[in-house]
Amino acid sequence: MPTNQNNQAAEHQLKEDSDSQSDNQRDASEAHKSQSNGKAIVAKPGDIICGRGFHIANHRGNLDFHLMVNEYREEYLSSKRPHKTRITKHVLKEIKSSGARFIKS
């Protein structure tokens, strides 16, 4: 009978793993939420989410941010420090003017 108990335990573990995967998929498909001062922040499509993972990397705001940064990459890399600061401020100004926010995952 120990094998029957082992099988039941394995089936139970598989169900828990399956439930956990479903929860993770549901979380990834919903709007990304972040906590700030005890309040939930729901990411808008243009927001830049700071964090790791597939759903964060493929968030519309993060993709737009990477495109914008890549536009200035060559100029930034070939510049001296004072101009690098101006480029960075310009990029941040563009982000703010679009209404996007940096939020923590």
PDB file of N, CA and C in Angstrom:
ATOM      1  N   MET A   1       0.780  -1.206   0.000  1.00  0.00           N
ATOM      2  CA  MET A   1       0.000   0.000   0.000  1.00  0.00           C
ATOM      3  C   MET A   1       0.824   1.275   0.000  1.00  0.00           C
ATOM      4  N   PRO A   2       2.083   1.279   0.386  1.00  0.00           N
ATOM      5  CA  PRO A   2       2.846   2.519   0.340  1.00  0.00           C
ATOM      6  C   PRO A   2       2.891   3.121  -1.055  1.00  0.00           C
ATOM      7  N   THR A   3       2.894   2.283  -2.118  1.00  0.00           N
ATOM      8  CA  THR A   3       2.939   2.846  -3.461  1.00  0.00           C
ATOM      9  C   THR A   3       1.661   3.592  -3.796  1.00  0.00           C
ATOM     10  N   ASN A   4       0.527   3.116  -3.301  1.00  0.00           N
ATOM     11  CA  ASN A   4      -0.740   3.803  -3.527  1.00  0.00           C
ATOM     12  C   ASN A   4      -0.710   5.183  -2.857  1.00  0.00           C
ATOM     13  N   GLN A   5      -0.174   5.239  -1.654  1.00  0.00           N
ATOM     14  CA  GLN A   5      -0.047   6.531  -0.958  1.00  0.00           C
ATOM     15  C   GLN A   5       0.908   7.451  -1.722  1.00  0.00           C
ATOM     16  N   ASN A   6       1.996   6.897  -2.255  1.00  0.00           N
ATOM     17  CA  ASN A   6       2.944   7.685  -3.040  1.00  0.00           C
ATOM     18  C   ASN A   6       2.274   8.229  -4.301  1.00  0.00           C
ATOM     19  N   ASN A   7       1.476   7.387  -4.961  1.00  0.00           N
ATOM     20  CA  ASN A   7       0.764   7.836  -6.159  1.00  0.00           C
ATOM     21  C   ASN A   7      -0.209   8.961  -5.830  1.00  0.00           C
ATOM     22  N   GLN A   8      -0.920   8.822  -4.715  1.00  0.00           N
ATOM     23  CA  GLN A   8      -1.871   9.860  -4.318  1.00  0.00           C
ATOM     24  C   GLN A   8      -1.133  11.166  -4.011  1.00  0.00           C
ATOM     25  N   ALA A   9       0.005  11.052  -3.340  1.00  0.00           N
ATOM     26  CA  ALA A   9       0.796  12.242  -3.024  1.00  0.00           C
ATOM     27  C   ALA A   9       1.310  12.899  -4.298  1.00  0.00           C
ATOM     28  N   ALA A  10       1.748  12.092  -5.260  1.00  0.00           N
ATOM     29  CA  ALA A  10       2.248  12.632  -6.521  1.00  0.00           C
ATOM     30  C   ALA A  10       1.125  13.305  -7.301  1.00  0.00           C
ATOM     31  N   GLU A  11      -0.070  12.683  -7.325  1.00  0.00           N
ATOM     32  CA  GLU A  11      -1.211  13.284  -8.011  1.00  0.00           C
ATOM     33  C   GLU A  11      -1.601  14.611  -7.361  1.00  0.00           C
ATOM     34  N   HIS A  12      -1.573  14.630  -6.032  1.00  0.00           N
ATOM     35  CA  HIS A  12      -1.897  15.863  -5.302  1.00  0.00           C
ATOM     36  C   HIS A  12      -0.892  16.962  -5.655  1.00  0.00           C
ATOM     37  N   GLN A  13       0.394  16.616  -5.717  1.00  0.00           N
ATOM     38  CA  GLN A  13       1.433  17.593  -6.048  1.00  0.00           C
ATOM     39  C   GLN A  13       1.256  18.103  -7.484  1.00  0.00           C
ATOM     40  N   LEU A  14       0.914  17.209  -8.423  1.00  0.00           N
ATOM     41  CA  LEU A  14       0.687  17.618  -9.797  1.00  0.00           C
ATOM     42  C   LEU A  14      -0.483  18.590  -9.891  1.00  0.00           C
ATOM     43  N   LYS A  15      -1.542  18.344  -9.129  1.00  0.00           N
ATOM     44  CA  LYS A  15      -2.698  19.246  -9.135  1.00  0.00           C
ATOM     45  C   LYS A  15      -2.301  20.604  -8.586  1.00  0.00           C
ATOM     46  N   GLU A  16      -1.519  20.638  -7.492  1.00  0.00           N
ATOM     47  CA  GLU A  16      -1.061  21.908  -6.929  1.00  0.00           C
ATOM     48  C   GLU A  16      -0.201  22.661  -7.940  1.00  0.00           C
ATOM     49  N   ASP A  17       0.711  21.945  -8.618  1.00  0.00           N
ATOM     50  CA  ASP A  17       1.576  22.571  -9.628  1.00  0.00           C
ATOM     51  C   ASP A  17       0.734  23.140 -10.771  1.00  0.00           C
ATOM     52  N   SER A  18      -0.271  22.377 -11.205  1.00  0.00           N
ATOM     53  CA  SER A  18      -1.143  22.813 -12.286  1.00  0.00           C
ATOM     54  C   SER A  18      -1.929  24.058 -11.873  1.00  0.00           C
ATOM     55  N   ASP A  19      -2.451  24.061 -10.632  1.00  0.00           N
ATOM     56  CA  ASP A  19      -3.179  25.224 -10.129  1.00  0.00           C
ATOM     57  C   ASP A  19      -2.278  26.442 -10.062  1.00  0.00           C
ATOM     58  N   SER A  20      -1.038  26.230  -9.632  1.00  0.00           N
ATOM     59  CA  SER A  20      -0.073  27.326  -9.526  1.00  0.00           C
ATOM     60  C   SER A  20       0.237  27.902 -10.908  1.00  0.00           C
ATOM     61  N   GLN A  21       0.393  27.026 -11.913  1.00  0.00           N
ATOM     62  CA  GLN A  21       0.669  27.494 -13.270  1.00  0.00           C
ATOM     63  C   GLN A  21      -0.509  28.292 -13.808  1.00  0.00           C
ATOM     64  N   SER A  22      -1.729  27.844 -13.523  1.00  0.00           N
ATOM     65  CA  SER A  22      -2.919  28.572 -13.968  1.00  0.00           C
ATOM     66  C   SER A  22      -2.960  29.954 -13.340  1.00  0.00           C
ATOM     67  N   ASP A  23      -2.623  30.035 -12.042  1.00  0.00           N
ATOM     68  CA  ASP A  23      -2.589  31.325 -11.360  1.00  0.00           C
ATOM     69  C   ASP A  23      -1.553  32.239 -11.993  1.00  0.00           C
ATOM     70  N   ASN A  24      -0.378  31.698 -12.314  1.00  0.00           N
ATOM     71  CA  ASN A  24       0.682  32.497 -12.930  1.00  0.00           C
ATOM     72  C   ASN A  24       0.251  33.004 -14.300  1.00  0.00           C
ATOM     73  N   GLN A  25      -0.402  32.154 -15.081  1.00  0.00           N
ATOM     74  CA  GLN A  25      -0.863  32.574 -16.398  1.00  0.00           C
ATOM     75  C   GLN A  25      -1.923  33.664 -16.266  1.00  0.00           C
ATOM     76  N   ARG A  26      -2.819  33.511 -15.308  1.00  0.00           N
ATOM     77  CA  ARG A  26      -3.855  34.511 -15.090  1.00  0.00           C
ATOM     78  C   ARG A  26      -3.224  35.832 -14.684  1.00  0.00           C
ATOM     79  N   ASP A  27      -2.230  35.783 -13.796  1.00  0.00           N
ATOM     80  CA  ASP A  27      -1.553  37.001 -13.355  1.00  0.00           C
ATOM     81  C   ASP A  27      -0.876  37.704 -14.527  1.00  0.00           C
ATOM     82  N   ALA A  28      -0.246  36.939 -15.415  1.00  0.00           N
ATOM     83  CA  ALA A  28       0.467  37.529 -16.548  1.00  0.00           C
ATOM     84  C   ALA A  28      -0.498  38.141 -17.553  1.00  0.00           C
ATOM     85  N   SER A  29      -1.697  37.573 -17.668  1.00  0.00           N
ATOM     86  CA  SER A  29      -2.629  38.078 -18.666  1.00  0.00           C
ATOM     87  C   SER A  29      -3.413  39.286 -18.170  1.00  0.00           C
ATOM     88  N   GLU A  30      -3.502  39.470 -16.847  1.00  0.00           N
ATOM     89  CA  GLU A  30      -4.200  40.628 -16.309  1.00  0.00           C
ATOM     90  C   GLU A  30      -3.284  41.847 -16.368  1.00  0.00           C
ATOM     91  N   ALA A  31      -3.867  43.028 -16.151  1.00  0.00           N
ATOM     92  CA  ALA A  31      -3.054  44.240 -16.080  1.00  0.00           C
ATOM     93  C   ALA A  31      -2.070  44.086 -14.928  1.00  0.00           C
ATOM     94  N   HIS A  32      -0.855  44.532 -15.146  1.00  0.00           N
ATOM     95  CA  HIS A  32       0.175  44.414 -14.128  1.00  0.00           C
ATOM     96  C   HIS A  32      -0.145  45.343 -12.966  1.00  0.00           C
ATOM     97  N   LYS A  33      -0.051  44.815 -11.746  1.00  0.00           N
ATOM     98  CA  LYS A  33      -0.353  45.618 -10.562  1.00  0.00           C
ATOM     99  C   LYS A  33       0.889  45.744  -9.699  1.00  0.00           C
ATOM    100  N   SER A  34       1.047  46.889  -9.081  1.00  0.00           N
ATOM    101  CA  SER A  34       2.186  47.157  -8.221  1.00  0.00           C
ATOM    102  C   SER A  34       1.681  47.776  -6.927  1.00  0.00           C
ATOM    103  N   GLN A  35       2.424  47.631  -5.848  1.00  0.00           N
ATOM    104  CA  GLN A  35       2.046  48.202  -4.561  1.00  0.00           C
ATOM    105  C   GLN A  35       2.871  49.446  -4.285  1.00  0.00           C
ATOM    106  N   SER A  36       2.219  50.499  -3.861  1.00  0.00           N
ATOM    107  CA  SER A  36       2.901  51.716  -3.466  1.00  0.00           C
ATOM    108  C   SER A  36       2.118  52.338  -2.324  1.00  0.00           C
ATOM    109  N   ASN A  37       2.743  52.447  -1.181  1.00  0.00           N
ATOM    110  CA  ASN A  37       2.076  53.004  -0.001  1.00  0.00           C
ATOM    111  C   ASN A  37       0.779  52.270   0.316  1.00  0.00           C
ATOM    112  N   GLY A  38       0.763  50.967   0.131  1.00  0.00           N
ATOM    113  CA  GLY A  38      -0.402  50.172   0.460  1.00  0.00           C
ATOM    114  C   GLY A  38      -1.516  50.224  -0.567  1.00  0.00           C
ATOM    115  N   LYS A  39      -1.350  50.985  -1.636  1.00  0.00           N
ATOM    116  CA  LYS A  39      -2.373  51.075  -2.676  1.00  0.00           C
ATOM    117  C   LYS A  39      -1.890  50.344  -3.920  1.00  0.00           C
ATOM    118  N   ALA A  40      -2.804  49.650  -4.576  1.00  0.00           N
ATOM    119  CA  ALA A  40      -2.452  48.940  -5.810  1.00  0.00           C
ATOM    120  C   ALA A  40      -2.387  49.933  -6.961  1.00  0.00           C
ATOM    121  N   ILE A  41      -1.356  49.825  -7.760  1.00  0.00           N
ATOM    122  CA  ILE A  41      -1.199  50.639  -8.958  1.00  0.00           C
ATOM    123  C   ILE A  41      -1.382  49.706 -10.147  1.00  0.00           C
ATOM    124  N   VAL A  42      -2.307  50.027 -11.016  1.00  0.00           N
ATOM    125  CA  VAL A  42      -2.528  49.224 -12.215  1.00  0.00           C
ATOM    126  C   VAL A  42      -1.783  49.896 -13.361  1.00  0.00           C
ATOM    127  N   ALA A  43      -0.926  49.125 -14.001  1.00  0.00           N
ATOM    128  CA  ALA A  43      -0.113  49.665 -15.094  1.00  0.00           C
ATOM    129  C   ALA A  43      -0.988  49.969 -16.299  1.00  0.00           C
ATOM    130  N   LYS A  44      -0.785  51.148 -16.853  1.00  0.00           N
ATOM    131  CA  LYS A  44      -1.443  51.536 -18.103  1.00  0.00           C
ATOM    132  C   LYS A  44      -0.578  51.018 -19.248  1.00  0.00           C
ATOM    133  N   PRO A  45      -1.135  50.930 -20.441  1.00  0.00           N
ATOM    134  CA  PRO A  45      -0.348  50.395 -21.571  1.00  0.00           C
ATOM    135  C   PRO A  45       0.970  51.123 -21.813  1.00  0.00           C
ATOM    136  N   GLY A  46       1.042  52.434 -21.581  1.00  0.00           N
ATOM    137  CA  GLY A  46       2.265  53.179 -21.851  1.00  0.00           C
ATOM    138  C   GLY A  46       3.264  53.195 -20.711  1.00  0.00           C
ATOM    139  N   ASP A  47       2.899  52.692 -19.540  1.00  0.00           N
ATOM    140  CA  ASP A  47       3.797  52.710 -18.383  1.00  0.00           C
ATOM    141  C   ASP A  47       4.991  51.787 -18.583  1.00  0.00           C
ATOM    142  N   ILE A  48       6.095  52.156 -17.958  1.00  0.00           N
ATOM    143  CA  ILE A  48       7.305  51.341 -17.997  1.00  0.00           C
ATOM    144  C   ILE A  48       7.377  50.596 -16.670  1.00  0.00           C
ATOM    145  N   ILE A  49       7.352  49.277 -16.739  1.00  0.00           N
ATOM    146  CA  ILE A  49       7.369  48.448 -15.542  1.00  0.00           C
ATOM    147  C   ILE A  49       8.797  48.005 -15.282  1.00  0.00           C
ATOM    148  N   CYS A  50       9.312  48.334 -14.112  1.00  0.00           N
ATOM    149  CA  CYS A  50      10.667  47.945 -13.722  1.00  0.00           C
ATOM    150  C   CYS A  50      10.596  46.567 -13.080  1.00  0.00           C
ATOM    151  N   GLY A  51      11.275  45.625 -13.658  1.00  0.00           N
ATOM    152  CA  GLY A  51      11.261  44.264 -13.139  1.00  0.00           C
ATOM    153  C   GLY A  51      11.782  43.301 -14.179  1.00  0.00           C
ATOM    154  N   ARG A  52      11.523  42.023 -13.931  1.00  0.00           N
ATOM    155  CA  ARG A  52      12.016  40.979 -14.818  1.00  0.00           C
ATOM    156  C   ARG A  52      10.864  40.084 -15.231  1.00  0.00           C
ATOM    157  N   GLY A  53      11.050  39.403 -16.318  1.00  0.00           N
ATOM    158  CA  GLY A  53      10.068  38.422 -16.751  1.00  0.00           C
ATOM    159  C   GLY A  53       9.503  38.746 -18.120  1.00  0.00           C
ATOM    160  N   PHE A  54       8.944  37.722 -18.727  1.00  0.00           N
ATOM    161  CA  PHE A  54       8.425  37.827 -20.084  1.00  0.00           C
ATOM    162  C   PHE A  54       7.299  38.848 -20.172  1.00  0.00           C
ATOM    163  N   HIS A  55       6.342  38.787 -19.239  1.00  0.00           N
ATOM    164  CA  HIS A  55       5.198  39.697 -19.325  1.00  0.00           C
ATOM    165  C   HIS A  55       5.610  41.144 -19.088  1.00  0.00           C
ATOM    166  N   ILE A  56       6.671  41.364 -18.358  1.00  0.00           N
ATOM    167  CA  ILE A  56       7.154  42.735 -18.142  1.00  0.00           C
ATOM    168  C   ILE A  56       7.918  43.206 -19.378  1.00  0.00           C
ATOM    169  N   ALA A  57       8.796  42.366 -19.877  1.00  0.00           N
ATOM    170  CA  ALA A  57       9.595  42.738 -21.049  1.00  0.00           C
ATOM    171  C   ALA A  57       8.724  43.011 -22.270  1.00  0.00           C
ATOM    172  N   ASN A  58       7.583  42.346 -22.360  1.00  0.00           N
ATOM    173  CA  ASN A  58       6.703  42.504 -23.519  1.00  0.00           C
ATOM    174  C   ASN A  58       5.543  43.465 -23.270  1.00  0.00           C
ATOM    175  N   HIS A  59       5.583  44.177 -22.157  1.00  0.00           N
ATOM    176  CA  HIS A  59       4.563  45.192 -21.891  1.00  0.00           C
ATOM    177  C   HIS A  59       4.767  46.340 -22.884  1.00  0.00           C
ATOM    178  N   ARG A  60       3.674  46.872 -23.438  1.00  0.00           N
ATOM    179  CA  ARG A  60       3.731  47.904 -24.489  1.00  0.00           C
ATOM    180  C   ARG A  60       4.640  49.076 -24.101  1.00  0.00           C
ATOM    181  N   GLY A  61       4.522  49.575 -22.884  1.00  0.00           N
ATOM    182  CA  GLY A  61       5.342  50.705 -22.451  1.00  0.00           C
ATOM    183  C   GLY A  61       6.828  50.367 -22.419  1.00  0.00           C
ATOM    184  N   ASN A  62       7.161  49.155 -22.002  1.00  0.00           N
ATOM    185  CA  ASN A  62       8.559  48.741 -21.963  1.00  0.00           C
ATOM    186  C   ASN A  62       9.125  48.613 -23.383  1.00  0.00           C
ATOM    187  N   LEU A  63       8.316  48.087 -24.299  1.00  0.00           N
ATOM    188  CA  LEU A  63       8.762  47.967 -25.690  1.00  0.00           C
ATOM    189  C   LEU A  63       8.996  49.354 -26.298  1.00  0.00           C
ATOM    190  N   ASP A  64       8.070  50.284 -26.052  1.00  0.00           N
ATOM    191  CA  ASP A  64       8.232  51.652 -26.551  1.00  0.00           C
ATOM    192  C   ASP A  64       9.473  52.313 -25.953  1.00  0.00           C
ATOM    193  N   PHE A  65       9.693  52.077 -24.658  1.00  0.00           N
ATOM    194  CA  PHE A  65      10.856  52.639 -23.968  1.00  0.00           C
ATOM    195  C   PHE A  65      12.151  52.141 -24.612  1.00  0.00           C
ATOM    196  N   HIS A  66      12.226  50.851 -24.889  1.00  0.00           N
ATOM    197  CA  HIS A  66      13.433  50.291 -25.508  1.00  0.00           C
ATOM    198  C   HIS A  66      13.655  50.857 -26.907  1.00  0.00           C
ATOM    199  N   LEU A  67      12.583  51.050 -27.656  1.00  0.00           N
ATOM    200  CA  LEU A  67      12.717  51.658 -28.985  1.00  0.00           C
ATOM    201  C   LEU A  67      13.260  53.082 -28.878  1.00  0.00           C
ATOM    202  N   MET A  68      12.741  53.848 -27.924  1.00  0.00           N
ATOM    203  CA  MET A  68      13.186  55.229 -27.741  1.00  0.00           C
ATOM    204  C   MET A  68      14.662  55.276 -27.331  1.00  0.00           C
ATOM    205  N   VAL A  69      15.027  54.425 -26.396  1.00  0.00           N
ATOM    206  CA  VAL A  69      16.426  54.398 -25.942  1.00  0.00           C
ATOM    207  C   VAL A  69      17.346  54.006 -27.097  1.00  0.00           C
ATOM    208  N   ASN A  70      16.918  53.059 -27.902  1.00  0.00           N
ATOM    209  CA  ASN A  70      17.748  52.630 -29.045  1.00  0.00           C
ATOM    210  C   ASN A  70      17.929  53.733 -30.082  1.00  0.00           C
ATOM    211  N   GLU A  71      16.953  54.644 -30.189  1.00  0.00           N
ATOM    212  CA  GLU A  71      17.092  55.774 -31.112  1.00  0.00           C
ATOM    213  C   GLU A  71      18.283  56.664 -30.745  1.00  0.00           C
ATOM    214  N   TYR A  72      18.575  56.765 -29.469  1.00  0.00           N
ATOM    215  CA  TYR A  72      19.636  57.649 -28.977  1.00  0.00           C
ATOM    216  C   TYR A  72      20.924  56.899 -28.621  1.00  0.00           C
ATOM    217  N   ARG A  73      20.954  55.595 -28.813  1.00  0.00           N
ATOM    218  CA  ARG A  73      22.090  54.775 -28.375  1.00  0.00           C
ATOM    219  C   ARG A  73      23.416  55.236 -28.965  1.00  0.00           C
ATOM    220  N   GLU A  74      23.500  55.345 -30.277  1.00  0.00           N
ATOM    221  CA  GLU A  74      24.769  55.709 -30.929  1.00  0.00           C
ATOM    222  C   GLU A  74      25.248  57.088 -30.484  1.00  0.00           C
ATOM    223  N   GLU A  75      24.325  58.042 -30.479  1.00  0.00           N
ATOM    224  CA  GLU A  75      24.685  59.400 -30.056  1.00  0.00           C
ATOM    225  C   GLU A  75      25.165  59.397 -28.605  1.00  0.00           C
ATOM    226  N   TYR A  76      24.463  58.655 -27.756  1.00  0.00           N
ATOM    227  CA  TYR A  76      24.823  58.581 -26.341  1.00  0.00           C
ATOM    228  C   TYR A  76      26.213  57.964 -26.161  1.00  0.00           C
ATOM    229  N   LEU A  77      26.452  56.856 -26.826  1.00  0.00           N
ATOM    230  CA  LEU A  77      27.735  56.156 -26.669  1.00  0.00           C
ATOM    231  C   LEU A  77      28.921  56.967 -27.184  1.00  0.00           C
ATOM    232  N   SER A  78      28.690  57.819 -28.177  1.00  0.00           N
ATOM    233  CA  SER A  78      29.796  58.597 -28.735  1.00  0.00           C
ATOM    234  C   SER A  78      29.940  59.980 -28.082  1.00  0.00           C
ATOM    235  N   SER A  79      29.126  60.266 -27.080  1.00  0.00           N
ATOM    236  CA  SER A  79      29.133  61.592 -26.449  1.00  0.00           C
ATOM    237  C   SER A  79      29.960  61.631 -25.180  1.00  0.00           C
ATOM    238  N   LYS A  80      30.322  62.857 -24.822  1.00  0.00           N
ATOM    239  CA  LYS A  80      30.983  63.095 -23.537  1.00  0.00           C
ATOM    240  C   LYS A  80      29.893  63.261 -22.465  1.00  0.00           C
ATOM    241  N   ARG A  81      30.284  63.211 -21.208  1.00  0.00           N
ATOM    242  CA  ARG A  81      29.344  63.209 -20.093  1.00  0.00           C
ATOM    243  C   ARG A  81      28.299  64.335 -20.129  1.00  0.00           C
ATOM    244  N   PRO A  82      28.639  65.594 -20.353  1.00  0.00           N
ATOM    245  CA  PRO A  82      27.604  66.632 -20.327  1.00  0.00           C
ATOM    246  C   PRO A  82      26.488  66.395 -21.363  1.00  0.00           C
ATOM    247  N   HIS A  83      26.878  65.922 -22.535  1.00  0.00           N
ATOM    248  CA  HIS A  83      25.874  65.661 -23.566  1.00  0.00           C
ATOM    249  C   HIS A  83      25.050  64.413 -23.228  1.00  0.00           C
ATOM    250  N   LYS A  84      25.679  63.429 -22.597  1.00  0.00           N
ATOM    251  CA  LYS A  84      24.952  62.233 -22.162  1.00  0.00           C
ATOM    252  C   LYS A  84      23.835  62.618 -21.187  1.00  0.00           C
ATOM    253  N   THR A  85      24.141  63.558 -20.302  1.00  0.00           N
ATOM    254  CA  THR A  85      23.138  64.031 -19.343  1.00  0.00           C
ATOM    255  C   THR A  85      21.970  64.685 -20.078  1.00  0.00           C
ATOM    256  N   ARG A  86      22.261  65.496 -21.084  1.00  0.00           N
ATOM    257  CA  ARG A  86      21.200  66.151 -21.861  1.00  0.00           C
ATOM    258  C   ARG A  86      20.334  65.117 -22.591  1.00  0.00           C
ATOM    259  N   ILE A  87      20.969  64.092 -23.151  1.00  0.00           N
ATOM    260  CA  ILE A  87      20.218  63.038 -23.846  1.00  0.00           C
ATOM    261  C   ILE A  87      19.295  62.326 -22.867  1.00  0.00           C
ATOM    262  N   THR A  88      19.817  61.981 -21.708  1.00  0.00           N
ATOM    263  CA  THR A  88      19.017  61.298 -20.693  1.00  0.00           C
ATOM    264  C   THR A  88      17.835  62.152 -20.265  1.00  0.00           C
ATOM    265  N   LYS A  89      18.076  63.440 -20.014  1.00  0.00           N
ATOM    266  CA  LYS A  89      16.989  64.345 -19.629  1.00  0.00           C
ATOM    267  C   LYS A  89      15.948  64.468 -20.737  1.00  0.00           C
ATOM    268  N   HIS A  90      16.401  64.483 -21.986  1.00  0.00           N
ATOM    269  CA  HIS A  90      15.491  64.564 -23.119  1.00  0.00           C
ATOM    270  C   HIS A  90      14.588  63.321 -23.186  1.00  0.00           C
ATOM    271  N   VAL A  91      15.172  62.154 -23.024  1.00  0.00           N
ATOM    272  CA  VAL A  91      14.397  60.908 -23.048  1.00  0.00           C
ATOM    273  C   VAL A  91      13.375  60.910 -21.913  1.00  0.00           C
ATOM    274  N   LEU A  92      13.789  61.297 -20.709  1.00  0.00           N
ATOM    275  CA  LEU A  92      12.865  61.345 -19.578  1.00  0.00           C
ATOM    276  C   LEU A  92      11.742  62.355 -19.809  1.00  0.00           C
ATOM    277  N   LYS A  93      12.072  63.494 -20.442  1.00  0.00           N
ATOM    278  CA  LYS A  93      11.061  64.502 -20.756  1.00  0.00           C
ATOM    279  C   LYS A  93      10.033  63.937 -21.739  1.00  0.00           C
ATOM    280  N   GLU A  94      10.499  63.202 -22.743  1.00  0.00           N
ATOM    281  CA  GLU A  94       9.583  62.575 -23.700  1.00  0.00           C
ATOM    282  C   GLU A  94       8.660  61.581 -23.005  1.00  0.00           C
ATOM    283  N   ILE A  95       9.222  60.806 -22.079  1.00  0.00           N
ATOM    284  CA  ILE A  95       8.416  59.824 -21.346  1.00  0.00           C
ATOM    285  C   ILE A  95       7.350  60.531 -20.512  1.00  0.00           C
ATOM    286  N   LYS A  96       7.760  61.570 -19.773  1.00  0.00           N
ATOM    287  CA  LYS A  96       6.807  62.309 -18.943  1.00  0.00           C
ATOM    288  C   LYS A  96       5.720  62.961 -19.789  1.00  0.00           C
ATOM    289  N   SER A  97       6.085  63.523 -20.926  1.00  0.00           N
ATOM    290  CA  SER A  97       5.098  64.199 -21.769  1.00  0.00           C
ATOM    291  C   SER A  97       4.101  63.227 -22.379  1.00  0.00           C
ATOM    292  N   SER A  98       4.481  61.971 -22.488  1.00  0.00           N
ATOM    293  CA  SER A  98       3.552  60.962 -23.025  1.00  0.00           C
ATOM    294  C   SER A  98       2.574  60.473 -21.963  1.00  0.00           C
ATOM    295  N   GLY A  99       2.839  60.831 -20.705  1.00  0.00           N
ATOM    296  CA  GLY A  99       1.969  60.392 -19.617  1.00  0.00           C
ATOM    297  C   GLY A  99       2.377  59.063 -19.008  1.00  0.00           C
ATOM    298  N   ALA A 100       3.464  58.480 -19.524  1.00  0.00           N
ATOM    299  CA  ALA A 100       3.931  57.195 -18.996  1.00  0.00           C
ATOM    300  C   ALA A 100       4.574  57.391 -17.627  1.00  0.00           C
ATOM    301  N   ARG A 101       4.553  56.321 -16.855  1.00  0.00           N
ATOM    302  CA  ARG A 101       5.155  56.332 -15.520  1.00  0.00           C
ATOM    303  C   ARG A 101       6.125  55.154 -15.410  1.00  0.00           C
ATOM    304  N   PHE A 102       7.111  55.290 -14.545  1.00  0.00           N
ATOM    305  CA  PHE A 102       7.953  54.158 -14.169  1.00  0.00           C
ATOM    306  C   PHE A 102       7.315  53.564 -12.932  1.00  0.00           C
ATOM    307  N   ILE A 103       6.988  52.279 -13.000  1.00  0.00           N
ATOM    308  CA  ILE A 103       6.404  51.633 -11.826  1.00  0.00           C
ATOM    309  C   ILE A 103       7.176  50.356 -11.507  1.00  0.00           C
ATOM    310  N   LYS A 104       7.172  50.007 -10.246  1.00  0.00           N
ATOM    311  CA  LYS A 104       7.893  48.837  -9.751  1.00  0.00           C
ATOM    312  C   LYS A 104       6.983  47.616  -9.833  1.00  0.00           C
ATOM    313  N   SER A 105       7.567  46.480 -10.242  1.00  0.00           N
ATOM    314  CA  SER A 105       6.740  45.268 -10.332  1.00  0.00           C
ATOM    315  C   SER A 105       6.560  44.640  -8.969  1.00  0.00           C
TER     316      SER A 105
END
